[in-house]
N, C-alpha and C. Protein backbone atom coordinates (compact mmCIF):
# COMPACT_ATOMS: atom_id res chain seq x y z
N CYS A 1 0.94 -1.12 0.09
CA CYS A 1 -0.01 0.05 0.01
C CYS A 1 0.83 1.31 0.00
N LEU A 2 0.54 2.27 -0.57
CA LEU A 2 1.01 3.56 -0.64
C LEU A 2 0.22 4.65 0.12
N GLY A 3 1.14 5.11 0.87
CA GLY A 3 0.48 6.44 1.57
C GLY A 3 0.30 7.39 0.80
N ILE A 4 -1.15 8.03 1.17
CA ILE A 4 -1.44 8.87 0.15
C ILE A 4 -2.02 10.69 0.87
N ALA A 5 -1.96 10.24 2.11
CA ALA A 5 -2.37 11.39 2.99
C ALA A 5 -1.55 11.66 4.30
N GLY A 6 -1.89 12.82 4.93
CA GLY A 6 -1.09 13.15 6.11
C GLY A 6 0.26 12.71 6.34
N ASP A 7 0.72 12.10 7.50
CA ASP A 7 2.02 11.85 7.79
C ASP A 7 2.37 10.62 6.98
N ASP A 8 1.74 9.91 6.36
CA ASP A 8 1.97 8.62 5.65
C ASP A 8 2.24 8.90 4.03
N VAL A 9 2.12 10.25 3.59
CA VAL A 9 2.30 10.43 2.25
C VAL A 9 3.67 9.84 1.50
N GLY A 10 3.51 9.23 0.66
CA GLY A 10 4.74 8.59 -0.13
C GLY A 10 5.29 7.29 0.64
N LYS A 11 4.83 6.98 1.75
CA LYS A 11 5.42 5.82 2.50
C LYS A 11 4.78 4.50 2.05
N VAL A 12 5.51 3.36 1.95
CA VAL A 12 5.18 2.03 1.41
C VAL A 12 4.66 1.38 2.75
N PHE A 13 3.76 0.71 2.69
CA PHE A 13 3.24 -0.44 3.73
C PHE A 13 2.73 -1.61 3.29
N TYR A 14 3.00 -2.86 4.12
CA TYR A 14 2.64 -3.85 3.80
C TYR A 14 1.33 -4.31 4.65
N TRP A 15 -0.01 -4.59 3.92
CA TRP A 15 -1.11 -4.96 4.58
C TRP A 15 -1.29 -6.32 4.67
N ASP A 16 -1.29 -6.78 5.88
CA ASP A 16 -1.48 -8.16 6.11
C ASP A 16 -3.02 -8.50 6.14
N MET A 17 -3.49 -9.00 4.98
CA MET A 17 -5.09 -8.98 4.97
C MET A 17 -5.49 -10.43 5.87
N SER A 18 -4.79 -11.18 6.16
CA SER A 18 -5.11 -12.41 6.80
C SER A 18 -5.19 -12.19 8.25
N ASN A 19 -4.85 -11.09 8.71
CA ASN A 19 -5.05 -10.84 10.12
C ASN A 19 -5.65 -9.51 10.52
N GLU A 20 -6.69 -9.31 9.79
CA GLU A 20 -7.64 -8.34 9.93
C GLU A 20 -8.11 -7.79 11.43
N PRO A 21 -8.00 -6.83 11.92
CA PRO A 21 -8.52 -6.31 13.37
C PRO A 21 -10.18 -6.39 13.26
N LEU A 22 -10.70 -6.12 14.50
CA LEU A 22 -12.22 -5.91 14.65
C LEU A 22 -12.59 -4.86 13.88
N ASP A 23 -13.74 -5.02 13.35
CA ASP A 23 -14.34 -3.56 12.76
C ASP A 23 -14.82 -2.84 14.04
N GLU A 24 -15.03 -1.49 13.94
CA GLU A 24 -15.33 -0.59 14.84
C GLU A 24 -16.40 -0.88 15.76
N GLU A 25 -17.32 -1.37 15.06
CA GLU A 25 -18.86 -1.52 15.90
C GLU A 25 -18.67 -2.77 16.66
N THR A 26 -17.68 -3.72 16.13
CA THR A 26 -17.66 -5.08 17.05
C THR A 26 -16.71 -4.77 18.24
N TYR A 27 -15.71 -4.03 17.89
CA TYR A 27 -14.70 -3.48 19.08
C TYR A 27 -15.42 -2.91 20.06
N LEU A 28 -16.25 -1.84 19.73
CA LEU A 28 -16.99 -0.99 20.77
C LEU A 28 -17.89 -2.03 21.42
N GLU A 29 -18.69 -2.97 20.94
CA GLU A 29 -19.37 -3.87 21.71
C GLU A 29 -18.82 -4.87 22.76
N ASP A 30 -17.36 -5.31 22.13
CA ASP A 30 -16.54 -6.18 23.01
C ASP A 30 -15.82 -5.46 24.20
N PHE A 31 -15.29 -4.14 23.97
CA PHE A 31 -14.53 -3.37 24.79
C PHE A 31 -15.44 -1.97 25.46
N GLY A 32 -16.51 -1.77 24.84
CA GLY A 32 -17.38 -0.69 25.65
C GLY A 32 -16.52 0.76 25.35
N GLU A 33 -15.77 0.78 24.44
CA GLU A 33 -15.06 2.05 23.99
C GLU A 33 -14.74 2.20 22.61
N PRO A 34 -14.65 3.36 22.09
CA PRO A 34 -14.35 3.48 20.63
C PRO A 34 -12.84 2.80 20.41
N MET A 35 -12.86 2.21 19.14
CA MET A 35 -11.54 1.70 18.80
C MET A 35 -10.39 2.78 18.69
N PRO A 36 -9.20 2.36 19.41
CA PRO A 36 -8.17 3.45 19.18
C PRO A 36 -7.35 3.16 17.75
N ALA A 37 -6.73 4.32 17.34
CA ALA A 37 -6.16 4.57 16.12
C ALA A 37 -5.13 3.28 15.81
N GLU A 38 -4.30 2.98 16.90
CA GLU A 38 -3.55 2.05 16.70
C GLU A 38 -4.05 0.55 16.49
N ALA A 39 -5.11 0.49 17.16
CA ALA A 39 -5.58 -0.92 16.83
C ALA A 39 -6.29 -1.17 15.55
N LYS A 40 -6.58 -0.05 14.78
CA LYS A 40 -7.24 -0.06 13.28
C LYS A 40 -5.96 -0.43 12.42
N ARG A 41 -4.66 -0.20 12.78
CA ARG A 41 -3.64 -0.44 11.82
C ARG A 41 -2.77 -1.57 12.29
N GLN A 42 -3.18 -2.37 13.20
CA GLN A 42 -2.32 -3.27 13.76
C GLN A 42 -1.87 -4.33 12.96
N ASN A 43 -2.39 -4.62 11.70
CA ASN A 43 -2.03 -5.44 10.48
C ASN A 43 -1.29 -4.66 9.41
N VAL A 44 -0.76 -3.62 9.59
CA VAL A 44 -0.25 -2.72 8.59
C VAL A 44 1.13 -2.45 8.93
N TYR A 45 2.25 -2.78 8.21
CA TYR A 45 3.51 -2.50 8.58
C TYR A 45 4.24 -1.69 7.63
N LEU A 46 4.94 -0.84 8.09
CA LEU A 46 5.68 0.15 7.38
C LEU A 46 7.07 -0.69 6.74
N VAL A 47 7.15 -0.68 5.23
CA VAL A 47 8.24 -1.21 4.56
C VAL A 47 9.24 -0.13 4.18
N ALA A 48 8.82 1.05 3.86
CA ALA A 48 9.90 1.89 3.35
C ALA A 48 9.12 3.43 3.59
N ASN A 49 9.97 4.46 3.75
CA ASN A 49 9.71 5.65 3.91
C ASN A 49 9.50 6.45 2.62
N SER A 50 9.65 5.91 1.64
CA SER A 50 9.45 6.34 0.26
C SER A 50 9.39 5.23 -0.78
N PHE A 51 8.70 5.55 -2.06
CA PHE A 51 8.63 4.36 -3.03
C PHE A 51 10.24 4.42 -3.65
N ASP A 52 10.94 5.15 -3.60
CA ASP A 52 12.35 5.01 -4.11
C ASP A 52 13.11 4.08 -3.12
N GLU A 53 12.91 4.37 -1.84
CA GLU A 53 13.64 3.45 -0.85
C GLU A 53 13.10 1.88 -0.88
N PHE A 54 11.73 1.79 -1.10
CA PHE A 54 11.18 0.53 -1.51
C PHE A 54 11.60 0.03 -2.63
N LEU A 55 11.77 0.58 -3.84
CA LEU A 55 12.59 0.25 -5.10
C LEU A 55 13.99 -0.29 -4.64
N ASN A 56 14.75 0.58 -3.88
CA ASN A 56 16.07 0.24 -3.63
C ASN A 56 16.51 -0.94 -2.86
N GLN A 57 15.31 -1.51 -2.13
CA GLN A 57 15.25 -2.75 -1.24
C GLN A 57 15.06 -3.92 -2.04
N LEU A 58 14.66 -3.94 -3.19
CA LEU A 58 14.26 -4.99 -3.75
C LEU A 58 15.44 -5.58 -4.45
N VAL A 59 15.55 -6.96 -4.44
CA VAL A 59 16.79 -7.81 -5.02
C VAL A 59 16.21 -8.94 -5.97
N LEU A 60 16.99 -9.29 -6.79
CA LEU A 60 16.70 -10.29 -7.61
C LEU A 60 16.82 -11.81 -6.95
N GLY A 61 15.96 -12.49 -7.07
CA GLY A 61 16.14 -13.69 -6.32
C GLY A 61 16.93 -14.73 -7.33
N SER A 62 17.45 -15.97 -6.81
CA SER A 62 18.17 -16.79 -7.51
C SER A 62 17.28 -17.99 -7.82
N GLU A 63 17.24 -18.53 -9.00
CA GLU A 63 16.61 -19.73 -9.38
C GLU A 63 16.92 -21.00 -8.70
N PRO A 64 15.88 -21.74 -8.22
CA PRO A 64 16.56 -22.96 -7.56
C PRO A 64 17.09 -24.02 -8.20
């Protein structure tokens, strides 16, 4: 994922779709309070601070 707003503009993230957090309504029902921002992104990981940095991290793999 590529950040397009706020402090995340230009940053590259990995979104682990297999580990989705609770939705806001379920969180409110389970915990009795609104979902904090950090809980909403618990399955999103910063990969690089810019797209150029991301490209520079790519390496060619060797064939088996």
